[in-house]
């Protein structure tokens, strides 16, 4: 997934379907990750609620998990 993220960021923006861990390992919500060159946003699909919206900084690292436990 990291290669896909890097490739799409070079284009300027990308959208990914993800599962967002809410309050426990039993509660995963379908969400959408929006990546842009300057920022990213995570929105829960069912409620359209934006749960994360941040600008990228030198200190920020995006490390996607490829598994559920």
PDB file of N, CA and C in Angstrom:
ATOM      1  N   UNK A   1       0.824  -1.198   0.000  1.00  0.00           N
ATOM      2  CA  UNK A   1       0.000   0.000   0.000  1.00  0.00           C
ATOM      3  C   UNK A   1       0.866   1.259   0.000  1.00  0.00           C
ATOM      4  N   UNK A   2       2.046   1.217   0.633  1.00  0.00           N
ATOM      5  CA  UNK A   2       2.901   2.404   0.678  1.00  0.00           C
ATOM      6  C   UNK A   2       3.290   2.863  -0.723  1.00  0.00           C
ATOM      7  N   UNK A   3       3.592   1.929  -1.611  1.00  0.00           N
ATOM      8  CA  UNK A   3       3.942   2.286  -2.993  1.00  0.00           C
ATOM      9  C   UNK A   3       2.756   2.948  -3.682  1.00  0.00           C
ATOM     10  N   UNK A   4       1.565   2.424  -3.453  1.00  0.00           N
ATOM     11  CA  UNK A   4       0.363   3.008  -4.045  1.00  0.00           C
ATOM     12  C   UNK A   4       0.134   4.428  -3.518  1.00  0.00           C
ATOM     13  N   UNK A   5       0.350   4.627  -2.224  1.00  0.00           N
ATOM     14  CA  UNK A   5       0.220   5.967  -1.631  1.00  0.00           C
ATOM     15  C   UNK A   5       1.224   6.919  -2.261  1.00  0.00           C
ATOM     16  N   UNK A   6       2.487   6.504  -2.334  1.00  0.00           N
ATOM     17  CA  UNK A   6       3.533   7.359  -2.911  1.00  0.00           C
ATOM     18  C   UNK A   6       3.228   7.706  -4.370  1.00  0.00           C
ATOM     19  N   UNK A   7       2.776   6.729  -5.141  1.00  0.00           N
ATOM     20  CA  UNK A   7       2.454   6.951  -6.552  1.00  0.00           C
ATOM     21  C   UNK A   7       1.333   7.959  -6.708  1.00  0.00           C
ATOM     22  N   UNK A   8       0.263   7.795  -5.909  1.00  0.00           N
ATOM     23  CA  UNK A   8      -0.874   8.699  -6.016  1.00  0.00           C
ATOM     24  C   UNK A   8      -0.551  10.092  -5.492  1.00  0.00           C
ATOM     25  N   UNK A   9       0.283  10.194  -4.469  1.00  0.00           N
ATOM     26  CA  UNK A   9       0.671  11.513  -3.970  1.00  0.00           C
ATOM     27  C   UNK A   9       1.443  12.292  -5.016  1.00  0.00           C
ATOM     28  N   UNK A  10       2.232  11.589  -5.824  1.00  0.00           N
ATOM     29  CA  UNK A  10       2.970  12.280  -6.877  1.00  0.00           C
ATOM     30  C   UNK A  10       2.010  12.879  -7.905  1.00  0.00           C
ATOM     31  N   UNK A  11       0.792  12.330  -8.000  1.00  0.00           N
ATOM     32  CA  UNK A  11      -0.238  12.861  -8.895  1.00  0.00           C
ATOM     33  C   UNK A  11      -0.995  14.026  -8.260  1.00  0.00           C
ATOM     34  N   UNK A  12      -0.896  14.179  -6.951  1.00  0.00           N
ATOM     35  CA  UNK A  12      -1.535  15.308  -6.284  1.00  0.00           C
ATOM     36  C   UNK A  12      -2.645  14.946  -5.331  1.00  0.00           C
ATOM     37  N   UNK A  13      -3.325  13.822  -5.568  1.00  0.00           N
ATOM     38  CA  UNK A  13      -4.388  13.417  -4.649  1.00  0.00           C
ATOM     39  C   UNK A  13      -4.743  11.955  -4.863  1.00  0.00           C
ATOM     40  N   UNK A  14      -5.345  11.352  -3.835  1.00  0.00           N
ATOM     41  CA  UNK A  14      -5.765   9.953  -3.917  1.00  0.00           C
ATOM     42  C   UNK A  14      -6.829   9.691  -2.862  1.00  0.00           C
ATOM     43  N   UNK A  15      -7.623   8.664  -3.114  1.00  0.00           N
ATOM     44  CA  UNK A  15      -8.663   8.252  -2.187  1.00  0.00           C
ATOM     45  C   UNK A  15      -8.547   6.749  -1.974  1.00  0.00           C
ATOM     46  N   UNK A  16      -8.614   6.316  -0.718  1.00  0.00           N
ATOM     47  CA  UNK A  16      -8.516   4.905  -0.382  1.00  0.00           C
ATOM     48  C   UNK A  16      -9.645   4.503   0.551  1.00  0.00           C
ATOM     49  N   UNK A  17     -10.208   3.326   0.339  1.00  0.00           N
ATOM     50  CA  UNK A  17     -11.158   2.748   1.281  1.00  0.00           C
ATOM     51  C   UNK A  17     -10.350   2.034   2.355  1.00  0.00           C
ATOM     52  N   UNK A  18     -10.642   2.339   3.612  1.00  0.00           N
ATOM     53  CA  UNK A  18      -9.891   1.776   4.740  1.00  0.00           C
ATOM     54  C   UNK A  18     -10.863   1.348   5.835  1.00  0.00           C
ATOM     55  N   UNK A  19     -10.339   0.629   6.815  1.00  0.00           N
ATOM     56  CA  UNK A  19     -11.076   0.326   8.034  1.00  0.00           C
ATOM     57  C   UNK A  19     -10.428   1.101   9.161  1.00  0.00           C
ATOM     58  N   UNK A  20     -11.227   1.817   9.917  1.00  0.00           N
ATOM     59  CA  UNK A  20     -10.738   2.675  10.995  1.00  0.00           C
ATOM     60  C   UNK A  20     -11.038   2.031  12.333  1.00  0.00           C
ATOM     61  N   UNK A  21      -9.996   1.808  13.147  1.00  0.00           N
ATOM     62  CA  UNK A  21     -10.164   1.257  14.486  1.00  0.00           C
ATOM     63  C   UNK A  21     -10.745   2.339  15.381  1.00  0.00           C
ATOM     64  N   UNK A  22     -11.917   2.063  15.929  1.00  0.00           N
ATOM     65  CA  UNK A  22     -12.588   3.073  16.747  1.00  0.00           C
ATOM     66  C   UNK A  22     -12.156   2.983  18.210  1.00  0.00           C
ATOM     67  N   UNK A  23     -12.820   2.184  19.022  1.00  0.00           N
ATOM     68  CA  UNK A  23     -12.509   2.168  20.447  1.00  0.00           C
ATOM     69  C   UNK A  23     -11.965   0.841  20.951  1.00  0.00           C
ATOM     70  N   UNK A  24     -11.966  -0.193  20.135  1.00  0.00           N
ATOM     71  CA  UNK A  24     -11.397  -1.484  20.536  1.00  0.00           C
ATOM     72  C   UNK A  24     -11.067  -2.286  19.285  1.00  0.00           C
ATOM     73  N   UNK A  25     -10.378  -3.397  19.462  1.00  0.00           N
ATOM     74  CA  UNK A  25     -10.023  -4.217  18.297  1.00  0.00           C
ATOM     75  C   UNK A  25     -11.243  -4.892  17.681  1.00  0.00           C
ATOM     76  N   UNK A  26     -12.379  -4.802  18.334  1.00  0.00           N
ATOM     77  CA  UNK A  26     -13.619  -5.386  17.823  1.00  0.00           C
ATOM     78  C   UNK A  26     -14.434  -4.397  16.995  1.00  0.00           C
ATOM     79  N   UNK A  27     -14.073  -3.134  17.032  1.00  0.00           N
ATOM     80  CA  UNK A  27     -14.915  -2.103  16.418  1.00  0.00           C
ATOM     81  C   UNK A  27     -14.182  -1.398  15.275  1.00  0.00           C
ATOM     82  N   UNK A  28     -14.274  -1.960  14.083  1.00  0.00           N
ATOM     83  CA  UNK A  28     -13.670  -1.379  12.886  1.00  0.00           C
ATOM     84  C   UNK A  28     -14.772  -0.757  12.043  1.00  0.00           C
ATOM     85  N   UNK A  29     -14.589   0.488  11.632  1.00  0.00           N
ATOM     86  CA  UNK A  29     -15.582   1.206  10.826  1.00  0.00           C
ATOM     87  C   UNK A  29     -15.046   1.424   9.415  1.00  0.00           C
ATOM     88  N   UNK A  30     -15.861   1.168   8.388  1.00  0.00           N
ATOM     89  CA  UNK A  30     -15.449   1.517   7.026  1.00  0.00           C
ATOM     90  C   UNK A  30     -15.283   3.041   6.926  1.00  0.00           C
ATOM     91  N   UNK A  31     -14.181   3.457   6.342  1.00  0.00           N
ATOM     92  CA  UNK A  31     -13.881   4.885   6.229  1.00  0.00           C
ATOM     93  C   UNK A  31     -13.164   5.138   4.908  1.00  0.00           C
ATOM     94  N   UNK A  32     -12.982   6.417   4.603  1.00  0.00           N
ATOM     95  CA  UNK A  32     -12.264   6.822   3.401  1.00  0.00           C
ATOM     96  C   UNK A  32     -11.100   7.715   3.796  1.00  0.00           C
ATOM     97  N   UNK A  33      -9.924   7.395   3.266  1.00  0.00           N
ATOM     98  CA  UNK A  33      -8.721   8.186   3.479  1.00  0.00           C
ATOM     99  C   UNK A  33      -8.501   9.024   2.228  1.00  0.00           C
ATOM    100  N   UNK A  34      -8.523  10.344   2.379  1.00  0.00           N
ATOM    101  CA  UNK A  34      -8.278  11.280   1.285  1.00  0.00           C
ATOM    102  C   UNK A  34      -6.872  11.844   1.460  1.00  0.00           C
ATOM    103  N   UNK A  35      -6.030  11.649   0.472  1.00  0.00           N
ATOM    104  CA  UNK A  35      -4.670  12.194   0.519  1.00  0.00           C
ATOM    105  C   UNK A  35      -4.525  13.291  -0.528  1.00  0.00           C
ATOM    106  N   UNK A  36      -3.961  14.382  -0.105  1.00  0.00           N
ATOM    107  CA  UNK A  36      -3.604  15.468  -1.013  1.00  0.00           C
ATOM    108  C   UNK A  36      -2.145  15.809  -0.749  1.00  0.00           C
ATOM    109  N   UNK A  37      -1.551  16.584  -1.594  1.00  0.00           N
ATOM    110  CA  UNK A  37      -0.126  16.899  -1.397  1.00  0.00           C
ATOM    111  C   UNK A  37       0.154  17.590  -0.082  1.00  0.00           C
ATOM    112  N   UNK A  38      -0.773  18.420   0.368  1.00  0.00           N
ATOM    113  CA  UNK A  38      -0.501  19.213   1.568  1.00  0.00           C
ATOM    114  C   UNK A  38      -1.196  18.702   2.826  1.00  0.00           C
ATOM    115  N   UNK A  39      -2.154  17.763   2.692  1.00  0.00           N
ATOM    116  CA  UNK A  39      -2.925  17.347   3.856  1.00  0.00           C
ATOM    117  C   UNK A  39      -3.576  15.990   3.617  1.00  0.00           C
ATOM    118  N   UNK A  40      -4.152  15.457   4.702  1.00  0.00           N
ATOM    119  CA  UNK A  40      -4.933  14.237   4.575  1.00  0.00           C
ATOM    120  C   UNK A  40      -6.171  14.337   5.452  1.00  0.00           C
ATOM    121  N   UNK A  41      -7.164  13.491   5.155  1.00  0.00           N
ATOM    122  CA  UNK A  41      -8.426  13.505   5.881  1.00  0.00           C
ATOM    123  C   UNK A  41      -8.956  12.075   5.941  1.00  0.00           C
ATOM    124  N   UNK A  42      -9.535  11.705   7.085  1.00  0.00           N
ATOM    125  CA  UNK A  42     -10.203  10.413   7.225  1.00  0.00           C
ATOM    126  C   UNK A  42     -11.649  10.690   7.604  1.00  0.00           C
ATOM    127  N   UNK A  43     -12.558  10.105   6.812  1.00  0.00           N
ATOM    128  CA  UNK A  43     -13.984  10.330   7.017  1.00  0.00           C
ATOM    129  C   UNK A  43     -14.684   8.980   7.170  1.00  0.00           C
ATOM    130  N   UNK A  44     -15.526   8.841   8.207  1.00  0.00           N
ATOM    131  CA  UNK A  44     -16.311   7.627   8.401  1.00  0.00           C
ATOM    132  C   UNK A  44     -17.396   7.587   7.330  1.00  0.00           C
ATOM    133  N   UNK A  45     -17.534   6.457   6.661  1.00  0.00           N
ATOM    134  CA  UNK A  45     -18.452   6.354   5.530  1.00  0.00           C
ATOM    135  C   UNK A  45     -19.916   6.513   5.921  1.00  0.00           C
ATOM    136  N   UNK A  46     -20.364   5.827   6.972  1.00  0.00           N
ATOM    137  CA  UNK A  46     -21.788   5.837   7.329  1.00  0.00           C
ATOM    138  C   UNK A  46     -22.299   7.208   7.738  1.00  0.00           C
ATOM    139  N   UNK A  47     -21.517   7.924   8.534  1.00  0.00           N
ATOM    140  CA  UNK A  47     -21.992   9.199   9.083  1.00  0.00           C
ATOM    141  C   UNK A  47     -21.424  10.421   8.366  1.00  0.00           C
ATOM    142  N   UNK A  48     -20.452  10.206   7.465  1.00  0.00           N
ATOM    143  CA  UNK A  48     -19.775  11.316   6.785  1.00  0.00           C
ATOM    144  C   UNK A  48     -19.006  12.206   7.773  1.00  0.00           C
ATOM    145  N   UNK A  49     -18.754  11.693   8.978  1.00  0.00           N
ATOM    146  CA  UNK A  49     -18.027  12.442  10.002  1.00  0.00           C
ATOM    147  C   UNK A  49     -16.534  12.438   9.701  1.00  0.00           C
ATOM    148  N   UNK A  50     -15.924  13.614   9.698  1.00  0.00           N
ATOM    149  CA  UNK A  50     -14.479  13.729   9.536  1.00  0.00           C
ATOM    150  C   UNK A  50     -13.849  13.509  10.909  1.00  0.00           C
ATOM    151  N   UNK A  51     -13.031  12.456  11.036  1.00  0.00           N
ATOM    152  CA  UNK A  51     -12.419  12.150  12.327  1.00  0.00           C
ATOM    153  C   UNK A  51     -10.972  12.630  12.422  1.00  0.00           C
ATOM    154  N   UNK A  52     -10.328  12.812  11.284  1.00  0.00           N
ATOM    155  CA  UNK A  52      -8.955  13.330  11.255  1.00  0.00           C
ATOM    156  C   UNK A  52      -8.829  14.243  10.052  1.00  0.00           C
ATOM    157  N   UNK A  53      -8.232  15.402  10.257  1.00  0.00           N
ATOM    158  CA  UNK A  53      -7.928  16.311   9.153  1.00  0.00           C
ATOM    159  C   UNK A  53      -6.692  17.095   9.560  1.00  0.00           C
ATOM    160  N   UNK A  54      -5.578  16.801   8.893  1.00  0.00           N
ATOM    161  CA  UNK A  54      -4.314  17.433   9.264  1.00  0.00           C
ATOM    162  C   UNK A  54      -3.498  17.776   8.022  1.00  0.00           C
ATOM    163  N   UNK A  55      -2.670  18.781   8.180  1.00  0.00           N
ATOM    164  CA  UNK A  55      -1.696  19.102   7.147  1.00  0.00           C
ATOM    165  C   UNK A  55      -0.443  18.283   7.403  1.00  0.00           C
ATOM    166  N   UNK A  56       0.242  17.921   6.333  1.00  0.00           N
ATOM    167  CA  UNK A  56       1.492  17.194   6.468  1.00  0.00           C
ATOM    168  C   UNK A  56       2.569  18.113   7.031  1.00  0.00           C
ATOM    169  N   UNK A  57       3.464  17.529   7.804  1.00  0.00           N
ATOM    170  CA  UNK A  57       4.621  18.248   8.321  1.00  0.00           C
ATOM    171  C   UNK A  57       5.833  17.331   8.191  1.00  0.00           C
ATOM    172  N   UNK A  58       7.000  17.859   8.428  1.00  0.00           N
ATOM    173  CA  UNK A  58       8.220  17.049   8.343  1.00  0.00           C
ATOM    174  C   UNK A  58       8.218  15.927   9.371  1.00  0.00           C
ATOM    175  N   UNK A  59       7.521  16.115  10.484  1.00  0.00           N
ATOM    176  CA  UNK A  59       7.508  15.134  11.564  1.00  0.00           C
ATOM    177  C   UNK A  59       6.474  14.032  11.355  1.00  0.00           C
ATOM    178  N   UNK A  60       5.535  14.224  10.434  1.00  0.00           N
ATOM    179  CA  UNK A  60       4.438  13.281  10.234  1.00  0.00           C
ATOM    180  C   UNK A  60       4.887  12.089   9.406  1.00  0.00           C
ATOM    181  N   UNK A  61       4.472  10.922   9.829  1.00  0.00           N
ATOM    182  CA  UNK A  61       4.764   9.687   9.097  1.00  0.00           C
ATOM    183  C   UNK A  61       3.469   8.903   8.929  1.00  0.00           C
ATOM    184  N   UNK A  62       3.165   8.481   7.719  1.00  0.00           N
ATOM    185  CA  UNK A  62       1.983   7.673   7.440  1.00  0.00           C
ATOM    186  C   UNK A  62       2.455   6.236   7.287  1.00  0.00           C
ATOM    187  N   UNK A  63       2.001   5.367   8.173  1.00  0.00           N
ATOM    188  CA  UNK A  63       2.404   3.961   8.160  1.00  0.00           C
ATOM    189  C   UNK A  63       1.156   3.093   8.181  1.00  0.00           C
ATOM    190  N   UNK A  64       0.644   2.705   7.032  1.00  0.00           N
ATOM    191  CA  UNK A  64      -0.565   1.892   6.988  1.00  0.00           C
ATOM    192  C   UNK A  64      -0.308   0.484   7.493  1.00  0.00           C
ATOM    193  N   UNK A  65      -1.282  -0.070   8.176  1.00  0.00           N
ATOM    194  CA  UNK A  65      -1.244  -1.453   8.613  1.00  0.00           C
ATOM    195  C   UNK A  65      -1.905  -2.304   7.534  1.00  0.00           C
ATOM    196  N   UNK A  66      -1.366  -3.464   7.270  1.00  0.00           N
ATOM    197  CA  UNK A  66      -1.925  -4.299   6.222  1.00  0.00           C
ATOM    198  C   UNK A  66      -2.679  -5.493   6.770  1.00  0.00           C
ATOM    199  N   UNK A  67      -2.975  -5.482   8.070  1.00  0.00           N
ATOM    200  CA  UNK A  67      -3.652  -6.633   8.662  1.00  0.00           C
ATOM    201  C   UNK A  67      -4.572  -6.190   9.789  1.00  0.00           C
ATOM    202  N   UNK A  68      -5.531  -7.053  10.106  1.00  0.00           N
ATOM    203  CA  UNK A  68      -6.401  -6.872  11.259  1.00  0.00           C
ATOM    204  C   UNK A  68      -6.067  -7.952  12.269  1.00  0.00           C
ATOM    205  N   UNK A  69      -6.094  -7.604  13.545  1.00  0.00           N
ATOM    206  CA  UNK A  69      -5.825  -8.628  14.562  1.00  0.00           C
ATOM    207  C   UNK A  69      -7.086  -8.973  15.295  1.00  0.00           C
TER     208      UNK A  69
END
